[in-house]
Amino acid sequence: MDSEPQDPIHSTALGKAIAAFLTEAEVVAALEDSGMPALTPQTITTVPGYLKELAKVRRLGYAVD
């Protein structure tokens, strides 16, 4: 059985909810490891854009796909 995640952290609500409570360095390292491929036209594909989204998740208390 493959132990790799099926979806990168930048492309799911669960990934965003978890990443929102990591340090910026941990988030950047995870993104560098998994990449940020565009899975849909709305997929966030830049580190600054993702960090902005994580700030929104922290402010709202939830994440969306």
C-alpha atoms as a PDB file:
ATOM      1  CA  MET A   1       0.000   0.000   0.000  1.00  0.00           C
ATOM      2  CA  ASP A   2       1.258   3.459  -0.934  1.00  0.00           C
ATOM      3  CA  SER A   3       1.787   5.704   2.094  1.00  0.00           C
ATOM      4  CA  GLU A   4       2.026   8.945   0.087  1.00  0.00           C
ATOM      5  CA  PRO A   5      -0.885  11.367   0.503  1.00  0.00           C
ATOM      6  CA  GLN A   6      -3.403  11.283  -2.316  1.00  0.00           C
ATOM      7  CA  ASP A   7      -3.823  15.051  -2.473  1.00  0.00           C
ATOM      8  CA  PRO A   8      -1.215  17.736  -1.744  1.00  0.00           C
ATOM      9  CA  ILE A   9      -1.869  19.944   1.309  1.00  0.00           C
ATOM     10  CA  HIS A  10      -2.492  23.020  -0.824  1.00  0.00           C
ATOM     11  CA  SER A  11      -5.494  21.547  -2.610  1.00  0.00           C
ATOM     12  CA  THR A  12      -7.820  20.309   0.150  1.00  0.00           C
ATOM     13  CA  ALA A  13      -9.744  21.881   2.999  1.00  0.00           C
ATOM     14  CA  LEU A  14      -8.223  19.379   5.420  1.00  0.00           C
ATOM     15  CA  GLY A  15      -4.709  20.234   4.238  1.00  0.00           C
ATOM     16  CA  LYS A  16      -5.396  23.947   4.670  1.00  0.00           C
ATOM     17  CA  ALA A  17      -6.927  23.441   8.123  1.00  0.00           C
ATOM     18  CA  ILE A  18      -3.857  21.538   9.286  1.00  0.00           C
ATOM     19  CA  ALA A  19      -1.353  23.860   7.590  1.00  0.00           C
ATOM     20  CA  ALA A  20      -3.019  26.914   9.139  1.00  0.00           C
ATOM     21  CA  PHE A  21      -1.575  25.891  12.494  1.00  0.00           C
ATOM     22  CA  LEU A  22       1.958  25.091  11.335  1.00  0.00           C
ATOM     23  CA  THR A  23       4.760  27.626  11.284  1.00  0.00           C
ATOM     24  CA  GLU A  24       5.386  29.428   8.021  1.00  0.00           C
ATOM     25  CA  ALA A  25       8.693  27.554   7.662  1.00  0.00           C
ATOM     26  CA  GLU A  26       6.906  24.202   8.086  1.00  0.00           C
ATOM     27  CA  VAL A  27       4.301  25.164   5.490  1.00  0.00           C
ATOM     28  CA  VAL A  28       6.909  26.307   2.975  1.00  0.00           C
ATOM     29  CA  ALA A  29       8.918  23.099   3.502  1.00  0.00           C
ATOM     30  CA  ALA A  30       5.815  20.969   2.970  1.00  0.00           C
ATOM     31  CA  LEU A  31       4.915  22.873  -0.186  1.00  0.00           C
ATOM     32  CA  GLU A  32       8.444  22.530  -1.537  1.00  0.00           C
ATOM     33  CA  ASP A  33       8.277  18.794  -0.853  1.00  0.00           C
ATOM     34  CA  SER A  34       4.879  18.164  -2.458  1.00  0.00           C
ATOM     35  CA  GLY A  35       4.785  20.937  -5.058  1.00  0.00           C
ATOM     36  CA  MET A  36       1.752  23.025  -5.870  1.00  0.00           C
ATOM     37  CA  PRO A  37       0.269  21.593  -9.060  1.00  0.00           C
ATOM     38  CA  ALA A  38      -2.947  23.118 -10.363  1.00  0.00           C
ATOM     39  CA  LEU A  39      -5.651  20.484  -9.925  1.00  0.00           C
ATOM     40  CA  THR A  40      -8.508  22.808 -10.895  1.00  0.00           C
ATOM     41  CA  PRO A  41      -8.630  26.350 -12.312  1.00  0.00           C
ATOM     42  CA  GLN A  42      -9.112  27.622  -8.728  1.00  0.00           C
ATOM     43  CA  THR A  43      -6.161  25.769  -7.171  1.00  0.00           C
ATOM     44  CA  ILE A  44      -3.776  28.089  -5.330  1.00  0.00           C
ATOM     45  CA  THR A  45      -0.371  27.551  -6.949  1.00  0.00           C
ATOM     46  CA  THR A  46       1.862  30.153  -5.284  1.00  0.00           C
ATOM     47  CA  VAL A  47       3.333  30.207  -1.787  1.00  0.00           C
ATOM     48  CA  PRO A  48       2.247  33.827  -1.113  1.00  0.00           C
ATOM     49  CA  GLY A  49      -1.288  33.016  -2.251  1.00  0.00           C
ATOM     50  CA  TYR A  50      -1.387  29.937  -0.039  1.00  0.00           C
ATOM     51  CA  LEU A  51      -0.082  31.810   2.998  1.00  0.00           C
ATOM     52  CA  LYS A  52      -2.794  34.436   2.436  1.00  0.00           C
ATOM     53  CA  GLU A  53      -5.394  31.654   2.296  1.00  0.00           C
ATOM     54  CA  LEU A  54      -4.068  30.195   5.558  1.00  0.00           C
ATOM     55  CA  ALA A  55      -4.483  33.581   7.243  1.00  0.00           C
ATOM     56  CA  LYS A  56      -8.096  33.541   6.073  1.00  0.00           C
ATOM     57  CA  VAL A  57      -8.554  30.020   7.470  1.00  0.00           C
ATOM     58  CA  ARG A  58      -7.227  31.169  10.853  1.00  0.00           C
ATOM     59  CA  ARG A  59      -9.524  34.197  10.835  1.00  0.00           C
ATOM     60  CA  LEU A  60     -12.656  32.254   9.824  1.00  0.00           C
ATOM     61  CA  GLY A  61     -11.942  29.079  11.779  1.00  0.00           C
ATOM     62  CA  TYR A  62     -12.572  26.767   8.809  1.00  0.00           C
ATOM     63  CA  ALA A  63     -11.202  25.915   5.363  1.00  0.00           C
ATOM     64  CA  VAL A  64     -12.876  25.092   2.055  1.00  0.00           C
ATOM     65  CA  ASP A  65     -11.720  23.191  -1.005  1.00  0.00           C
END
